[in-house]
Amino acid sequence: MPDWFLTRGGDRPARVFCFPYAGGDPRTYLDWQPLLDSHADVVAVCPPGKAHRAHEPLPGFDELADRIAEAIADEVERDPRPAQLFGHSFGGLLAFEVARRLRDVPAIGHLTASGISAPSLLPSDRVLGIAGLDGAEFAEALVFFGQFPPDAVADEDVLALLLPGLKADFELAVGYRYRTAPPLEIGVSIIVGTEDPHVGSAQIAPWDSECAGPPEHVRVPGGHFYFDPDPGPVVAVLSAHAESETHVEVI
């Protein structure tokens, strides 16, 4: 596969393209493969600045979405198995904008956006404020999301390793500018942790206007990173839609 994608390989009947959250390592999604079992292959989307592409400069938000959409379009043309997009937090916003760009690609059948407010509300005031911080102040602000355990903020070695990538992703997020567009015709699922301090009912309600049909709303136990340490609930949603898409394809 091109440098944009990481996978453990396989020939399952569907695929899930997974977008990393701010500061996240796309390779962690590959650990979900055993849970998806025979339903779908996990394909982790790897933007510049992450994993094996750590040395590459990160483009602006729109260019990044354009380039990922082009890469996925090329990939599904090569291999037209049914596919869905999944992203958490910032990755959910990026997956949404990529879905907009792929609206004419038949293989893309579903979008699952996790832990992210409706795009029309972004960037949020909190994210704008955090992006303006540096060093330990920046790290302390991320404790709110559960990004860091409080004791990690005092570890300078940990901060030196993790903060540059996080800072770059936050700067990318604050550069996002929402534009109105026709609603998505594909199925859409919105997943939020019941104890997420950043994304609640008011933040997810406007998602309805982005979808031609009513989106599926899923609440799961936990905070912003509800899938850590148990990704079971989110994988169950992805598996169900993979199974549904392949069943329709067979018919």
Protein backbone atom coordinates (compact mmCIF):
# COMPACT_ATOMS: atom_id res chain seq x y z
CA MET A 1 0.00 0.00 0.00
CA PRO A 2 1.11 3.65 -0.38
CA ASP A 3 2.74 5.50 2.50
CA TRP A 4 -0.67 6.88 3.52
CA PHE A 5 -1.87 3.54 4.86
CA LEU A 6 -0.82 0.93 7.39
CA THR A 7 -2.45 -2.49 7.65
CA ARG A 8 -1.75 -5.99 8.80
CA GLY A 9 -3.09 -7.23 5.50
CA GLY A 10 -5.95 -9.55 4.81
CA ASP A 11 -8.75 -10.18 2.38
CA ARG A 12 -11.79 -9.66 4.58
CA PRO A 13 -14.92 -8.52 2.76
CA ALA A 14 -14.71 -4.86 3.84
CA ARG A 15 -12.25 -2.24 5.09
CA VAL A 16 -12.26 0.47 7.75
CA PHE A 17 -10.03 3.50 7.14
CA CYS A 18 -9.14 4.83 10.62
CA PHE A 19 -7.99 8.43 11.21
CA PRO A 20 -5.81 9.22 14.27
CA TYR A 21 -6.77 11.78 16.92
CA ALA A 22 -4.54 14.75 17.76
CA GLY A 23 -1.22 13.40 18.97
CA GLY A 24 -2.32 9.84 18.25
CA ASP A 25 -0.28 7.11 16.61
CA PRO A 26 -2.25 5.57 13.72
CA ARG A 27 -0.54 2.23 14.39
CA THR A 28 -2.60 1.77 17.55
CA TYR A 29 -5.67 1.10 15.39
CA LEU A 30 -4.00 -2.04 14.07
CA ASP A 31 -4.51 -3.56 17.53
CA TRP A 32 -8.25 -3.52 16.81
CA GLN A 33 -7.89 -6.04 13.99
CA PRO A 34 -8.50 -9.17 16.12
CA LEU A 35 -11.69 -7.59 17.48
CA LEU A 36 -13.02 -6.87 14.00
CA ASP A 37 -12.44 -10.57 13.35
CA SER A 38 -13.63 -11.59 9.91
CA HIS A 39 -15.75 -8.48 9.24
CA ALA A 40 -13.21 -5.98 7.91
CA ASP A 41 -9.54 -5.12 7.49
CA VAL A 42 -8.29 -2.19 9.55
CA VAL A 43 -6.47 0.38 7.42
CA ALA A 44 -4.79 3.07 9.53
CA VAL A 45 -4.49 6.44 7.80
CA CYS A 46 -1.00 7.84 8.39
CA PRO A 47 -0.67 11.58 7.70
CA PRO A 48 2.70 13.31 7.36
CA GLY A 49 4.35 13.84 10.73
CA LYS A 50 3.28 10.48 12.17
CA ALA A 51 4.84 7.01 12.47
CA HIS A 52 7.08 6.25 9.49
CA ARG A 53 6.29 9.72 8.07
CA ALA A 54 7.49 11.63 11.15
CA HIS A 55 10.08 13.53 9.10
CA GLU A 56 7.52 14.91 6.62
CA PRO A 57 6.05 18.42 7.09
CA LEU A 58 2.36 18.61 7.91
CA PRO A 59 0.26 20.55 5.37
CA GLY A 60 -2.71 22.76 6.24
CA PHE A 61 -6.08 21.20 7.01
CA ASP A 62 -7.68 21.56 3.59
CA GLU A 63 -4.62 20.30 1.74
CA LEU A 64 -4.35 17.36 4.13
CA ALA A 65 -8.01 16.42 3.57
CA ASP A 66 -7.56 16.75 -0.20
CA ARG A 67 -4.48 14.52 -0.22
CA ILE A 68 -6.02 11.83 1.99
CA ALA A 69 -9.20 11.81 -0.09
CA GLU A 70 -7.14 11.39 -3.26
CA ALA A 71 -5.14 8.56 -1.69
CA ILE A 72 -8.27 6.72 -0.54
CA ALA A 73 -9.99 7.23 -3.91
CA ASP A 74 -6.97 5.72 -5.66
CA GLU A 75 -6.85 2.84 -3.18
CA VAL A 76 -10.53 1.90 -3.50
CA GLU A 77 -10.29 2.13 -7.27
CA ARG A 78 -7.50 -0.44 -7.06
CA ASP A 79 -9.41 -2.52 -4.52
CA PRO A 80 -13.17 -1.75 -4.59
CA ARG A 81 -14.20 -3.66 -1.48
CA PRO A 82 -16.86 -1.80 0.58
CA ALA A 83 -15.19 0.68 2.91
CA GLN A 84 -16.08 2.97 5.78
CA LEU A 85 -14.30 5.88 7.46
CA PHE A 86 -13.68 6.15 11.20
CA GLY A 87 -12.05 8.94 13.15
CA HIS A 88 -11.82 9.95 16.78
CA SER A 89 -11.77 13.57 18.00
CA PHE A 90 -9.69 15.58 15.50
CA GLY A 91 -9.55 12.42 13.39
CA GLY A 92 -13.36 12.42 13.26
CA LEU A 93 -13.38 15.94 11.85
CA LEU A 94 -10.77 14.99 9.27
CA ALA A 95 -12.72 11.85 8.34
CA PHE A 96 -15.86 13.98 7.87
CA GLU A 97 -14.13 16.35 5.47
CA VAL A 98 -12.62 13.42 3.57
CA ALA A 99 -16.11 11.86 3.34
CA ARG A 100 -17.35 15.09 1.79
CA ARG A 101 -14.63 14.86 -0.83
CA LEU A 102 -15.43 11.20 -1.53
CA ARG A 103 -19.20 11.57 -1.87
CA ASP A 104 -19.05 10.30 -5.46
CA VAL A 105 -16.95 7.22 -4.61
CA PRO A 106 -19.39 4.27 -4.39
CA ALA A 107 -17.13 2.08 -2.23
CA ILE A 108 -17.37 4.50 0.72
CA GLY A 109 -20.56 3.51 2.52
CA HIS A 110 -20.36 4.85 6.07
CA LEU A 111 -18.74 7.44 8.33
CA THR A 112 -18.30 6.97 12.07
CA ALA A 113 -17.23 10.13 13.91
CA SER A 114 -16.21 9.59 17.52
CA GLY A 115 -15.75 12.08 20.33
CA ILE A 116 -16.11 15.15 18.11
CA SER A 117 -18.54 18.07 18.08
CA ALA A 118 -20.49 18.89 14.94
CA PRO A 119 -18.13 20.43 12.36
CA SER A 120 -20.14 23.66 12.23
CA LEU A 121 -19.12 24.34 15.85
CA LEU A 122 -15.39 23.89 15.25
CA PRO A 123 -12.80 24.86 16.21
CA SER A 124 -14.19 25.17 19.74
CA ASP A 125 -13.20 27.98 22.08
CA ARG A 126 -11.45 25.45 24.32
CA VAL A 127 -9.29 24.10 21.48
CA LEU A 128 -8.49 27.64 20.35
CA GLY A 129 -7.38 28.50 23.87
CA ILE A 130 -5.29 25.36 24.33
CA ALA A 131 -3.56 25.83 20.97
CA GLY A 132 -2.25 29.17 22.22
CA LEU A 133 -0.43 27.56 25.17
CA ASP A 134 3.06 26.10 25.25
CA GLY A 135 5.11 23.63 27.26
CA ALA A 136 3.79 22.49 30.60
CA GLU A 137 0.75 24.79 30.37
CA PHE A 138 -0.23 23.14 27.11
CA ALA A 139 0.21 19.67 28.65
CA GLU A 140 -1.76 20.60 31.77
CA ALA A 141 -4.66 21.78 29.61
CA LEU A 142 -4.74 18.40 27.87
CA VAL A 143 -5.35 16.63 31.19
CA PHE A 144 -8.95 17.86 30.75
CA PHE A 145 -9.40 15.48 27.80
CA GLY A 146 -7.65 12.58 29.50
CA GLN A 147 -4.80 12.97 27.01
CA PHE A 148 -2.24 12.86 29.82
CA PRO A 149 -2.40 11.44 33.32
CA PRO A 150 -1.58 14.32 35.70
CA ASP A 151 1.75 12.81 36.75
CA ALA A 152 2.97 12.72 33.14
CA VAL A 153 2.87 16.53 33.02
CA ALA A 154 5.79 16.61 35.46
CA ASP A 155 7.91 14.27 33.33
CA GLU A 156 10.01 16.45 31.04
CA ASP A 157 11.19 13.50 28.95
CA VAL A 158 7.60 12.45 28.23
CA LEU A 159 6.63 16.00 27.33
CA ALA A 160 9.62 16.43 25.02
CA LEU A 161 8.59 13.26 23.19
CA LEU A 162 4.85 13.86 22.89
CA LEU A 163 4.22 17.60 22.83
CA PRO A 164 5.63 18.54 19.39
CA GLY A 165 3.23 16.23 17.55
CA LEU A 166 0.29 17.26 19.71
CA LYS A 167 1.05 20.93 19.23
CA ALA A 168 1.24 20.50 15.46
CA ASP A 169 -2.12 18.71 15.40
CA PHE A 170 -3.78 21.40 17.53
CA GLU A 171 -2.46 24.11 15.22
CA LEU A 172 -3.89 22.12 12.32
CA ALA A 173 -7.26 21.91 14.10
CA VAL A 174 -7.48 25.66 14.75
CA GLY A 175 -6.87 26.25 11.05
CA TYR A 176 -10.11 24.45 10.18
CA ARG A 177 -12.84 26.56 8.61
CA TYR A 178 -16.29 25.03 8.24
CA ARG A 179 -18.06 25.53 4.92
CA THR A 180 -21.66 24.62 4.16
CA ALA A 181 -22.12 21.77 1.67
CA PRO A 182 -24.84 19.28 0.72
CA PRO A 183 -25.48 16.71 3.47
CA LEU A 184 -23.74 13.35 3.28
CA GLU A 185 -25.81 10.68 1.57
CA ILE A 186 -23.92 7.81 3.23
CA GLY A 187 -24.77 6.43 6.66
CA VAL A 188 -23.29 8.33 9.60
CA SER A 189 -22.74 7.22 13.20
CA ILE A 190 -21.79 9.55 16.05
CA ILE A 191 -20.18 7.96 19.11
CA VAL A 192 -19.62 9.86 22.36
CA GLY A 193 -18.52 8.78 25.82
CA THR A 194 -21.18 9.34 28.48
CA GLU A 195 -18.65 11.17 30.64
CA ASP A 196 -16.90 13.11 27.89
CA PRO A 197 -16.29 16.59 29.40
CA HIS A 198 -15.87 18.24 26.00
CA VAL A 199 -18.60 16.75 23.79
CA GLY A 200 -22.19 16.59 25.03
CA SER A 201 -25.69 16.71 23.59
CA ALA A 202 -25.47 20.37 22.58
CA GLN A 203 -22.27 19.72 20.66
CA ILE A 204 -23.52 16.68 18.72
CA ALA A 205 -27.05 17.89 17.87
CA PRO A 206 -25.98 19.89 14.77
CA TRP A 207 -24.51 16.73 13.27
CA ASP A 208 -28.06 15.98 12.08
CA SER A 209 -27.85 18.78 9.51
CA GLU A 210 -24.75 17.20 7.95
CA CYS A 211 -26.60 14.00 7.07
CA ALA A 212 -29.27 13.32 4.47
CA GLY A 213 -30.83 10.77 6.83
CA PRO A 214 -30.87 10.74 10.64
CA PRO A 215 -27.42 9.75 11.94
CA GLU A 216 -27.02 6.92 14.41
CA HIS A 217 -26.22 8.30 17.88
CA VAL A 218 -24.29 5.94 20.17
CA ARG A 219 -23.43 6.69 23.80
CA VAL A 220 -20.85 4.45 25.43
CA PRO A 221 -19.52 4.38 29.00
CA GLY A 222 -16.40 6.45 29.59
CA GLY A 223 -14.79 9.80 28.95
CA HIS A 224 -13.28 11.39 25.87
CA PHE A 225 -11.01 8.39 25.33
CA TYR A 226 -13.74 5.88 26.18
CA PHE A 227 -12.09 3.16 24.06
CA ASP A 228 -8.99 3.05 26.23
CA PRO A 229 -8.54 0.39 27.52
CA ASP A 230 -11.60 -1.33 26.00
CA PRO A 231 -12.30 -0.61 22.31
CA GLY A 232 -15.04 -3.24 22.27
CA PRO A 233 -18.02 -0.84 22.04
CA VAL A 234 -16.65 1.17 19.12
CA VAL A 235 -15.45 -1.94 17.30
CA ALA A 236 -18.96 -3.39 17.65
CA VAL A 237 -20.34 -0.37 15.76
CA LEU A 238 -17.70 -0.69 13.03
CA SER A 239 -18.29 -4.43 12.71
CA ALA A 240 -22.05 -4.01 12.41
CA HIS A 241 -21.72 -1.52 9.57
CA ALA A 242 -19.07 -3.58 7.81
CA GLU A 243 -21.38 -6.57 7.92
CA SER A 244 -24.30 -4.48 6.68
CA GLU A 245 -22.31 -3.03 3.79
CA THR A 246 -21.03 -6.39 2.61
CA HIS A 247 -24.50 -7.91 2.87
CA VAL A 248 -25.89 -5.15 0.62
CA GLU A 249 -22.97 -5.66 -1.76
CA VAL A 250 -23.74 -9.37 -2.09
CA ILE A 251 -27.42 -8.73 -2.71
